[in-house]
Full PDB file with SEQRES, HELIX, SHEET, SSBOND, CRYST1, ORIGX, SCALE, CONECT and MASTER records, all heavy atoms in Angstrom:
SEQRES   1 A   39  ALA GLU GLN MET VAL ARG ALA GLY GLY LYS VAL MET ILE          
SEQRES   2 A   39  CYS GLY ARG ASP GLY ARG LYS LEU ALA LYS THR ALA GLU          
SEQRES   3 A   39  GLU ILE GLY ALA ASP PHE HIS VAL ALA ASP VAL SER SER          
HELIX    1 AA1 GLU A    2  ARG A    6  1                                   5    
HELIX    2 AA2 GLY A   18  ILE A   28  1                                  11    
SHEET    1 AA1 2 MET A  12  GLY A  15  0                                        
SHEET    2 AA1 2 ASP A  31  VAL A  34  1                                        
CRYST1    1.000    1.000    1.000  90.00  90.00  90.00 P 1           1          
ORIGX1      1.000000  0.000000  0.000000        0.00000                         
ORIGX2      0.000000  1.000000  0.000000        0.00000                         
ORIGX3      0.000000  0.000000  1.000000        0.00000                         
SCALE1      1.000000  0.000000  0.000000        0.00000                         
SCALE2      0.000000  1.000000  0.000000        0.00000                         
SCALE3      0.000000  0.000000  1.000000        0.00000                         
ATOM      1  N   ALA A   1     182.258 102.267 225.263  1.00  0.00           N  
ATOM      2  CA  ALA A   1     181.391 102.793 226.319  1.00  0.00           C  
ATOM      3  C   ALA A   1     181.845 102.317 227.695  1.00  0.00           C  
ATOM      4  O   ALA A   1     181.858 103.117 228.671  1.00  0.00           O  
ATOM      5  CB  ALA A   1     179.949 102.357 226.052  1.00  0.00           C  
ATOM      6  N   GLU A   2     182.194 101.016 227.792  1.00  0.00           N  
ATOM      7  CA  GLU A   2     182.624 100.479 229.095  1.00  0.00           C  
ATOM      8  C   GLU A   2     183.932 101.177 229.560  1.00  0.00           C  
ATOM      9  O   GLU A   2     184.018 101.524 230.769  1.00  0.00           O  
ATOM     10  CB  GLU A   2     182.864  99.007 228.938  1.00  0.00           C  
ATOM     11  CG  GLU A   2     183.202  98.298 230.234  1.00  0.00           C  
ATOM     12  CD  GLU A   2     183.241  96.781 230.132  1.00  0.00           C  
ATOM     13  OE1 GLU A   2     183.277  96.280 228.986  1.00  0.00           O  
ATOM     14  OE2 GLU A   2     183.204  96.102 231.188  1.00  0.00           O  
ATOM     15  N   GLN A   3     184.827 101.401 228.699  1.00  0.00           N  
ATOM     16  CA  GLN A   3     186.118 102.032 229.096  1.00  0.00           C  
ATOM     17  C   GLN A   3     185.829 103.525 229.450  1.00  0.00           C  
ATOM     18  O   GLN A   3     186.486 104.048 230.367  1.00  0.00           O  
ATOM     19  CB  GLN A   3     187.152 101.961 227.956  1.00  0.00           C  
ATOM     20  CG  GLN A   3     187.663 100.539 227.809  1.00  0.00           C  
ATOM     21  CD  GLN A   3     188.906 100.413 226.919  1.00  0.00           C  
ATOM     22  OE1 GLN A   3     189.663 101.355 226.797  1.00  0.00           O  
ATOM     23  NE2 GLN A   3     189.151  99.258 226.389  1.00  0.00           N  
ATOM     24  N   MET A   4     184.923 104.189 228.775  1.00  0.00           N  
ATOM     25  CA  MET A   4     184.590 105.556 229.135  1.00  0.00           C  
ATOM     26  C   MET A   4     184.020 105.621 230.561  1.00  0.00           C  
ATOM     27  O   MET A   4     184.358 106.483 231.319  1.00  0.00           O  
ATOM     28  CB  MET A   4     183.592 106.125 228.139  1.00  0.00           C  
ATOM     29  CG  MET A   4     184.177 106.496 226.793  1.00  0.00           C  
ATOM     30  SD  MET A   4     182.875 107.025 225.649  1.00  0.00           S  
ATOM     31  CE  MET A   4     183.900 107.659 224.309  1.00  0.00           C  
ATOM     32  N   VAL A   5     183.080 104.724 230.856  1.00  0.00           N  
ATOM     33  CA  VAL A   5     182.481 104.715 232.208  1.00  0.00           C  
ATOM     34  C   VAL A   5     183.583 104.434 233.259  1.00  0.00           C  
ATOM     35  O   VAL A   5     183.572 105.060 234.293  1.00  0.00           O  
ATOM     36  CB  VAL A   5     181.330 103.635 232.279  1.00  0.00           C  
ATOM     37  CG1 VAL A   5     180.846 103.464 233.653  1.00  0.00           C  
ATOM     38  CG2 VAL A   5     180.168 104.054 231.309  1.00  0.00           C  
ATOM     39  N   ARG A   6     184.403 103.489 233.000  1.00  0.00           N  
ATOM     40  CA  ARG A   6     185.537 103.191 233.947  1.00  0.00           C  
ATOM     41  C   ARG A   6     186.410 104.352 234.177  1.00  0.00           C  
ATOM     42  O   ARG A   6     186.926 104.528 235.296  1.00  0.00           O  
ATOM     43  CB  ARG A   6     186.332 101.986 233.424  1.00  0.00           C  
ATOM     44  CG  ARG A   6     185.675 100.664 233.519  1.00  0.00           C  
ATOM     45  CD  ARG A   6     186.597  99.580 232.935  1.00  0.00           C  
ATOM     46  NE  ARG A   6     185.986  98.255 233.009  1.00  0.00           N  
ATOM     47  CZ  ARG A   6     186.518  97.153 232.510  1.00  0.00           C  
ATOM     48  NH1 ARG A   6     187.685  97.264 231.893  1.00  0.00           N  
ATOM     49  NH2 ARG A   6     185.869  95.991 232.574  1.00  0.00           N  
ATOM     50  N   ALA A   7     186.599 105.245 233.202  1.00  0.00           N  
ATOM     51  CA  ALA A   7     187.406 106.419 233.325  1.00  0.00           C  
ATOM     52  C   ALA A   7     186.676 107.543 234.022  1.00  0.00           C  
ATOM     53  O   ALA A   7     187.279 108.642 234.306  1.00  0.00           O  
ATOM     54  CB  ALA A   7     187.887 106.877 231.957  1.00  0.00           C  
ATOM     55  N   GLY A   8     185.369 107.371 234.360  1.00  0.00           N  
ATOM     56  CA  GLY A   8     184.632 108.393 235.098  1.00  0.00           C  
ATOM     57  C   GLY A   8     183.661 109.158 234.201  1.00  0.00           C  
ATOM     58  O   GLY A   8     182.969 110.085 234.658  1.00  0.00           O  
ATOM     59  N   GLY A   9     183.610 108.834 232.929  1.00  0.00           N  
ATOM     60  CA  GLY A   9     182.673 109.550 232.001  1.00  0.00           C  
ATOM     61  C   GLY A   9     181.262 109.060 232.104  1.00  0.00           C  
ATOM     62  O   GLY A   9     180.959 108.045 232.812  1.00  0.00           O  
ATOM     63  N   LYS A  10     180.373 109.746 231.406  1.00  0.00           N  
ATOM     64  CA  LYS A  10     178.975 109.339 231.376  1.00  0.00           C  
ATOM     65  C   LYS A  10     178.611 109.051 229.925  1.00  0.00           C  
ATOM     66  O   LYS A  10     179.028 109.860 229.037  1.00  0.00           O  
ATOM     67  CB  LYS A  10     178.054 110.477 231.924  1.00  0.00           C  
ATOM     68  CG  LYS A  10     178.267 110.723 233.444  1.00  0.00           C  
ATOM     69  CD  LYS A  10     177.337 111.821 233.950  1.00  0.00           C  
ATOM     70  CE  LYS A  10     177.511 112.026 235.435  1.00  0.00           C  
ATOM     71  NZ  LYS A  10     176.543 113.113 235.886  1.00  0.00           N  
ATOM     72  N   VAL A  11     177.882 108.023 229.671  1.00  0.00           N  
ATOM     73  CA  VAL A  11     177.718 107.529 228.291  1.00  0.00           C  
ATOM     74  C   VAL A  11     176.250 107.102 228.097  1.00  0.00           C  
ATOM     75  O   VAL A  11     175.653 106.468 228.965  1.00  0.00           O  
ATOM     76  CB  VAL A  11     178.622 106.324 228.030  1.00  0.00           C  
ATOM     77  CG1 VAL A  11     178.471 105.878 226.558  1.00  0.00           C  
ATOM     78  CG2 VAL A  11     180.061 106.628 228.345  1.00  0.00           C  
ATOM     79  N   MET A  12     175.791 107.441 226.898  1.00  0.00           N  
ATOM     80  CA  MET A  12     174.478 106.880 226.431  1.00  0.00           C  
ATOM     81  C   MET A  12     174.789 106.084 225.222  1.00  0.00           C  
ATOM     82  O   MET A  12     175.328 106.554 224.212  1.00  0.00           O  
ATOM     83  CB  MET A  12     173.466 107.976 226.099  1.00  0.00           C  
ATOM     84  CG  MET A  12     172.173 107.409 225.458  1.00  0.00           C  
ATOM     85  SD  MET A  12     170.880 108.620 225.390  1.00  0.00           S  
ATOM     86  CE  MET A  12     170.343 108.641 227.129  1.00  0.00           C  
ATOM     87  N   ILE A  13     174.371 104.789 225.253  1.00  0.00           N  
ATOM     88  CA  ILE A  13     174.538 103.900 224.114  1.00  0.00           C  
ATOM     89  C   ILE A  13     173.167 103.799 223.397  1.00  0.00           C  
ATOM     90  O   ILE A  13     172.153 104.000 223.993  1.00  0.00           O  
ATOM     91  CB  ILE A  13     174.995 102.499 224.504  1.00  0.00           C  
ATOM     92  CG1 ILE A  13     174.060 101.825 225.538  1.00  0.00           C  
ATOM     93  CG2 ILE A  13     176.419 102.593 225.073  1.00  0.00           C  
ATOM     94  CD1 ILE A  13     174.376 100.384 225.829  1.00  0.00           C  
ATOM     95  N   CYS A  14     173.233 103.569 222.105  1.00  0.00           N  
ATOM     96  CA  CYS A  14     172.021 103.410 221.372  1.00  0.00           C  
ATOM     97  C   CYS A  14     172.138 102.289 220.399  1.00  0.00           C  
ATOM     98  O   CYS A  14     173.222 101.778 220.085  1.00  0.00           O  
ATOM     99  CB  CYS A  14     171.627 104.718 220.569  1.00  0.00           C  
ATOM    100  SG  CYS A  14     172.398 104.866 218.935  1.00  0.00           S  
ATOM    101  N   GLY A  15     171.005 101.775 219.907  1.00  0.00           N  
ATOM    102  CA  GLY A  15     170.948 100.698 218.965  1.00  0.00           C  
ATOM    103  C   GLY A  15     169.455 100.379 218.726  1.00  0.00           C  
ATOM    104  O   GLY A  15     168.553 100.984 219.322  1.00  0.00           O  
ATOM    105  N   ARG A  16     169.249  99.348 217.919  1.00  0.00           N  
ATOM    106  CA  ARG A  16     167.862  99.007 217.560  1.00  0.00           C  
ATOM    107  C   ARG A  16     167.226  97.937 218.482  1.00  0.00           C  
ATOM    108  O   ARG A  16     165.984  97.781 218.486  1.00  0.00           O  
ATOM    109  CB  ARG A  16     167.781  98.542 216.106  1.00  0.00           C  
ATOM    110  CG  ARG A  16     168.113  99.685 215.129  1.00  0.00           C  
ATOM    111  CD  ARG A  16     168.083  99.240 213.711  1.00  0.00           C  
ATOM    112  NE  ARG A  16     169.116  98.328 213.395  1.00  0.00           N  
ATOM    113  CZ  ARG A  16     169.421  97.920 212.158  1.00  0.00           C  
ATOM    114  NH1 ARG A  16     168.627  98.331 211.139  1.00  0.00           N  
ATOM    115  NH2 ARG A  16     170.397  97.119 211.902  1.00  0.00           N  
ATOM    116  N   ASP A  17     168.126  97.215 219.168  1.00  0.00           N  
ATOM    117  CA  ASP A  17     167.630  96.088 219.986  1.00  0.00           C  
ATOM    118  C   ASP A  17     167.548  96.507 221.439  1.00  0.00           C  
ATOM    119  O   ASP A  17     168.501  96.525 222.178  1.00  0.00           O  
ATOM    120  CB  ASP A  17     168.584  94.883 219.856  1.00  0.00           C  
ATOM    121  CG  ASP A  17     168.100  93.606 220.528  1.00  0.00           C  
ATOM    122  OD1 ASP A  17     167.321  93.753 221.541  1.00  0.00           O  
ATOM    123  OD2 ASP A  17     168.495  92.547 220.109  1.00  0.00           O  
ATOM    124  N   GLY A  18     166.330  96.836 221.872  1.00  0.00           N  
ATOM    125  CA  GLY A  18     166.135  97.378 223.226  1.00  0.00           C  
ATOM    126  C   GLY A  18     166.554  96.419 224.332  1.00  0.00           C  
ATOM    127  O   GLY A  18     167.090  96.858 225.334  1.00  0.00           O  
ATOM    128  N   ARG A  19     166.251  95.125 224.155  1.00  0.00           N  
ATOM    129  CA  ARG A  19     166.617  94.156 225.197  1.00  0.00           C  
ATOM    130  C   ARG A  19     168.120  94.044 225.354  1.00  0.00           C  
ATOM    131  O   ARG A  19     168.628  94.055 226.463  1.00  0.00           O  
ATOM    132  CB  ARG A  19     166.035  92.810 224.787  1.00  0.00           C  
ATOM    133  CG  ARG A  19     166.249  91.731 225.846  1.00  0.00           C  
ATOM    134  CD  ARG A  19     165.523  90.458 225.504  1.00  0.00           C  
ATOM    135  NE  ARG A  19     164.086  90.667 225.421  1.00  0.00           N  
ATOM    136  CZ  ARG A  19     163.173  89.723 225.011  1.00  0.00           C  
ATOM    137  NH1 ARG A  19     163.654  88.486 224.719  1.00  0.00           N  
ATOM    138  NH2 ARG A  19     161.913  89.965 225.011  1.00  0.00           N  
ATOM    139  N   LYS A  20     168.812  94.037 224.239  1.00  0.00           N  
ATOM    140  CA  LYS A  20     170.286  93.969 224.268  1.00  0.00           C  
ATOM    141  C   LYS A  20     170.913  95.204 224.932  1.00  0.00           C  
ATOM    142  O   LYS A  20     171.796  95.193 225.781  1.00  0.00           O  
ATOM    143  CB  LYS A  20     170.875  93.771 222.886  1.00  0.00           C  
ATOM    144  CG  LYS A  20     172.397  93.650 222.881  1.00  0.00           C  
ATOM    145  CD  LYS A  20     172.987  93.854 221.457  1.00  0.00           C  
ATOM    146  CE  LYS A  20     172.612  92.670 220.550  1.00  0.00           C  
ATOM    147  NZ  LYS A  20     173.248  92.815 219.205  1.00  0.00           N  
ATOM    148  N   LEU A  21     170.345  96.381 224.507  1.00  0.00           N  
ATOM    149  CA  LEU A  21     170.837  97.610 225.048  1.00  0.00           C  
ATOM    150  C   LEU A  21     170.621  97.693 226.575  1.00  0.00           C  
ATOM    151  O   LEU A  21     171.576  98.122 227.279  1.00  0.00           O  
ATOM    152  CB  LEU A  21     170.070  98.808 224.402  1.00  0.00           C  
ATOM    153  CG  LEU A  21     170.507  99.225 222.965  1.00  0.00           C  
ATOM    154  CD1 LEU A  21     169.575 100.293 222.502  1.00  0.00           C  
ATOM    155  CD2 LEU A  21     171.952  99.753 222.990  1.00  0.00           C  
ATOM    156  N   ALA A  22     169.469  97.348 227.009  1.00  0.00           N  
ATOM    157  CA  ALA A  22     169.182  97.404 228.425  1.00  0.00           C  
ATOM    158  C   ALA A  22     170.151  96.551 229.245  1.00  0.00           C  
ATOM    159  O   ALA A  22     170.610  96.921 230.284  1.00  0.00           O  
ATOM    160  CB  ALA A  22     167.741  96.978 228.733  1.00  0.00           C  
ATOM    161  N   LYS A  23     170.394  95.339 228.716  1.00  0.00           N  
ATOM    162  CA  LYS A  23     171.317  94.425 229.424  1.00  0.00           C  
ATOM    163  C   LYS A  23     172.718  94.959 229.438  1.00  0.00           C  
ATOM    164  O   LYS A  23     173.386  94.979 230.493  1.00  0.00           O  
ATOM    165  CB  LYS A  23     171.280  93.064 228.705  1.00  0.00           C  
ATOM    166  CG  LYS A  23     172.108  91.976 229.338  1.00  0.00           C  
ATOM    167  CD  LYS A  23     171.940  90.601 228.636  1.00  0.00           C  
ATOM    168  CE  LYS A  23     172.645  89.494 229.308  1.00  0.00           C  
ATOM    169  NZ  LYS A  23     174.089  89.680 229.312  1.00  0.00           N  
ATOM    170  N   THR A  24     173.187  95.479 228.282  1.00  0.00           N  
ATOM    171  CA  THR A  24     174.570  96.065 228.225  1.00  0.00           C  
ATOM    172  C   THR A  24     174.674  97.255 229.141  1.00  0.00           C  
ATOM    173  O   THR A  24     175.661  97.377 229.876  1.00  0.00           O  
ATOM    174  CB  THR A  24     174.832  96.471 226.782  1.00  0.00           C  
ATOM    175  OG1 THR A  24     174.886  95.292 225.957  1.00  0.00           O  
ATOM    176  CG2 THR A  24     176.229  97.128 226.717  1.00  0.00           C  
ATOM    177  N   ALA A  25     173.661  98.137 229.088  1.00  0.00           N  
ATOM    178  CA  ALA A  25     173.711  99.361 229.935  1.00  0.00           C  
ATOM    179  C   ALA A  25     173.755  99.010 231.401  1.00  0.00           C  
ATOM    180  O   ALA A  25     174.592  99.620 232.144  1.00  0.00           O  
ATOM    181  CB  ALA A  25     172.495 100.212 229.652  1.00  0.00           C  
ATOM    182  N   GLU A  26     173.046  98.010 231.824  1.00  0.00           N  
ATOM    183  CA  GLU A  26     173.059  97.626 233.260  1.00  0.00           C  
ATOM    184  C   GLU A  26     174.415  97.079 233.617  1.00  0.00           C  
ATOM    185  O   GLU A  26     174.981  97.338 234.672  1.00  0.00           O  
ATOM    186  CB  GLU A  26     171.992  96.578 233.524  1.00  0.00           C  
ATOM    187  CG  GLU A  26     171.921  96.133 234.958  1.00  0.00           C  
ATOM    188  CD  GLU A  26     170.809  95.070 235.212  1.00  0.00           C  
ATOM    189  OE1 GLU A  26     170.124  94.742 234.264  1.00  0.00           O  
ATOM    190  OE2 GLU A  26     170.606  94.723 236.374  1.00  0.00           O  
ATOM    191  N   GLU A  27     175.001  96.255 232.702  1.00  0.00           N  
ATOM    192  CA  GLU A  27     176.290  95.629 233.004  1.00  0.00           C  
ATOM    193  C   GLU A  27     177.447  96.619 233.046  1.00  0.00           C  
ATOM    194  O   GLU A  27     178.393  96.424 233.858  1.00  0.00           O  
ATOM    195  CB  GLU A  27     176.590  94.579 231.940  1.00  0.00           C  
ATOM    196  CG  GLU A  27     175.631  93.353 232.055  1.00  0.00           C  
ATOM    197  CD  GLU A  27     175.797  92.341 230.947  1.00  0.00           C  
ATOM    198  OE1 GLU A  27     176.472  92.640 229.908  1.00  0.00           O  
ATOM    199  OE2 GLU A  27     175.241  91.210 231.023  1.00  0.00           O  
ATOM    200  N   ILE A  28     177.422  97.664 232.222  1.00  0.00           N  
ATOM    201  CA  ILE A  28     178.594  98.588 232.164  1.00  0.00           C  
ATOM    202  C   ILE A  28     178.336  99.909 232.886  1.00  0.00           C  
ATOM    203  O   ILE A  28     179.262 100.696 232.984  1.00  0.00           O  
ATOM    204  CB  ILE A  28     179.033  98.826 230.737  1.00  0.00           C  
ATOM    205  CG1 ILE A  28     178.014  99.605 229.922  1.00  0.00           C  
ATOM    206  CG2 ILE A  28     179.314  97.475 230.020  1.00  0.00           C  
ATOM    207  CD1 ILE A  28     178.478  99.993 228.514  1.00  0.00           C  
ATOM    208  N   GLY A  29     177.133 100.199 233.292  1.00  0.00           N  
ATOM    209  CA  GLY A  29     176.831 101.395 233.976  1.00  0.00           C  
ATOM    210  C   GLY A  29     176.572 102.588 233.119  1.00  0.00           C  
ATOM    211  O   GLY A  29     176.862 103.772 233.470  1.00  0.00           O  
ATOM    212  N   ALA A  30     175.946 102.333 231.891  1.00  0.00           N  
ATOM    213  CA  ALA A  30     175.681 103.425 230.972  1.00  0.00           C  
ATOM    214  C   ALA A  30     174.147 103.609 230.893  1.00  0.00           C  
ATOM    215  O   ALA A  30     173.360 102.814 231.380  1.00  0.00           O  
ATOM    216  CB  ALA A  30     176.200 103.066 229.561  1.00  0.00           C  
ATOM    217  N   ASP A  31     173.798 104.755 230.298  1.00  0.00           N  
ATOM    218  CA  ASP A  31     172.377 104.993 229.910  1.00  0.00           C  
ATOM    219  C   ASP A  31     172.189 104.444 228.561  1.00  0.00           C  
ATOM    220  O   ASP A  31     173.135 104.205 227.825  1.00  0.00           O  
ATOM    221  CB  ASP A  31     172.095 106.509 229.915  1.00  0.00           C  
ATOM    222  CG  ASP A  31     171.898 107.027 231.306  1.00  0.00           C  
ATOM    223  OD1 ASP A  31     170.937 106.645 232.016  1.00  0.00           O  
ATOM    224  OD2 ASP A  31     172.728 107.934 231.721  1.00  0.00           O  
ATOM    225  N   PHE A  32     170.892 104.236 228.169  1.00  0.00           N  
ATOM    226  CA  PHE A  32     170.618 103.711 226.776  1.00  0.00           C  
ATOM    227  C   PHE A  32     169.400 104.330 226.224  1.00  0.00           C  
ATOM    228  O   PHE A  32     168.519 104.828 226.929  1.00  0.00           O  
ATOM    229  CB  PHE A  32     170.539 102.217 226.793  1.00  0.00           C  
ATOM    230  CG  PHE A  32     169.229 101.628 227.390  1.00  0.00           C  
ATOM    231  CD1 PHE A  32     168.150 101.350 226.544  1.00  0.00           C  
ATOM    232  CD2 PHE A  32     169.061 101.471 228.739  1.00  0.00           C  
ATOM    233  CE1 PHE A  32     166.987 100.801 227.013  1.00  0.00           C  
ATOM    234  CE2 PHE A  32     167.848 100.958 229.246  1.00  0.00           C  
ATOM    235  CZ  PHE A  32     166.840 100.619 228.383  1.00  0.00           C  
ATOM    236  N   HIS A  33     169.302 104.339 224.899  1.00  0.00           N  
ATOM    237  CA  HIS A  33     168.172 104.843 224.204  1.00  0.00           C  
ATOM    238  C   HIS A  33     168.048 104.034 222.902  1.00  0.00           C  
ATOM    239  O   HIS A  33     168.988 103.909 222.159  1.00  0.00           O  
ATOM    240  CB  HIS A  33     168.321 106.328 223.917  1.00  0.00           C  
ATOM    241  CG  HIS A  33     167.085 106.980 223.316  1.00  0.00           C  
ATOM    242  ND1 HIS A  33     166.049 107.413 224.099  1.00  0.00           N  
ATOM    243  CD2 HIS A  33     166.735 107.232 222.069  1.00  0.00           C  
ATOM    244  CE1 HIS A  33     165.098 107.949 223.354  1.00  0.00           C  
ATOM    245  NE2 HIS A  33     165.520 107.839 222.091  1.00  0.00           N  
ATOM    246  N   VAL A  34     166.830 103.499 222.686  1.00  0.00           N  
ATOM    247  CA  VAL A  34     166.634 102.733 221.473  1.00  0.00           C  
ATOM    248  C   VAL A  34     166.471 103.666 220.263  1.00  0.00           C  
ATOM    249  O   VAL A  34     165.598 104.556 220.335  1.00  0.00           O  
ATOM    250  CB  VAL A  34     165.355 101.817 221.582  1.00  0.00           C  
ATOM    251  CG1 VAL A  34     165.116 101.042 220.287  1.00  0.00           C  
ATOM    252  CG2 VAL A  34     165.498 100.856 222.780  1.00  0.00           C  
ATOM    253  N   ALA A  35     167.316 103.489 219.259  1.00  0.00           N  
ATOM    254  CA  ALA A  35     167.281 104.376 218.092  1.00  0.00           C  
ATOM    255  C   ALA A  35     167.916 103.679 216.901  1.00  0.00           C  
ATOM    256  O   ALA A  35     168.903 102.995 217.021  1.00  0.00           O  
ATOM    257  CB  ALA A  35     167.972 105.726 218.389  1.00  0.00           C  
ATOM    258  N   ASP A  36     167.304 103.851 215.723  1.00  0.00           N  
ATOM    259  CA  ASP A  36     167.866 103.449 214.448  1.00  0.00           C  
ATOM    260  C   ASP A  36     168.479 104.625 213.849  1.00  0.00           C  
ATOM    261  O   ASP A  36     167.780 105.648 213.527  1.00  0.00           O  
ATOM    262  CB  ASP A  36     166.711 102.905 213.597  1.00  0.00           C  
ATOM    263  CG  ASP A  36     167.207 102.461 212.219  1.00  0.00           C  
ATOM    264  OD1 ASP A  36     168.350 102.807 211.827  1.00  0.00           O  
ATOM    265  OD2 ASP A  36     166.375 101.820 211.479  1.00  0.00           O  
ATOM    266  N   VAL A  37     169.785 104.664 213.684  1.00  0.00           N  
ATOM    267  CA  VAL A  37     170.517 105.883 213.206  1.00  0.00           C  
ATOM    268  C   VAL A  37     170.075 106.312 211.832  1.00  0.00           C  
ATOM    269  O   VAL A  37     170.297 107.482 211.405  1.00  0.00           O  
ATOM    270  CB  VAL A  37     172.025 105.758 213.288  1.00  0.00           C  
ATOM    271  CG1 VAL A  37     172.486 105.647 214.722  1.00  0.00           C  
ATOM    272  CG2 VAL A  37     172.520 104.654 212.403  1.00  0.00           C  
ATOM    273  N   SER A  38     169.512 105.406 211.012  1.00  0.00           N  
ATOM    274  CA  SER A  38     169.003 105.822 209.660  1.00  0.00           C  
ATOM    275  C   SER A  38     167.725 106.554 209.695  1.00  0.00           C  
ATOM    276  O   SER A  38     167.302 107.104 208.686  1.00  0.00           O  
ATOM    277  CB  SER A  38     168.884 104.608 208.763  1.00  0.00           C  
ATOM    278  OG  SER A  38     167.852 103.753 209.195  1.00  0.00           O  
ATOM    279  N   SER A  39     167.122 106.692 210.889  1.00  0.00           N  
ATOM    280  CA  SER A  39     165.861 107.464 211.107  1.00  0.00           C  
ATOM    281  C   SER A  39     166.170 108.792 211.664  1.00  0.00           C  
ATOM    282  O   SER A  39     166.676 108.879 212.803  1.00  0.00           O  
ATOM    283  CB  SER A  39     164.926 106.675 211.988  1.00  0.00           C  
ATOM    284  OG  SER A  39     163.886 107.525 212.511  1.00  0.00           O  
TER     285      SER A  39                                                      
MASTER        0    0    0    2    2    0    0    6  284    1    0    3          
END                                                                             
């Protein structure tokens, strides 16, 4: 996701840990959405 953003792309990351996602998204410049892929 970080390399995609650096290349000029737009990215949404997902995962189950909202706090971790929010921190990562802020650090790398991505959007985020809390989601469990098994749901």
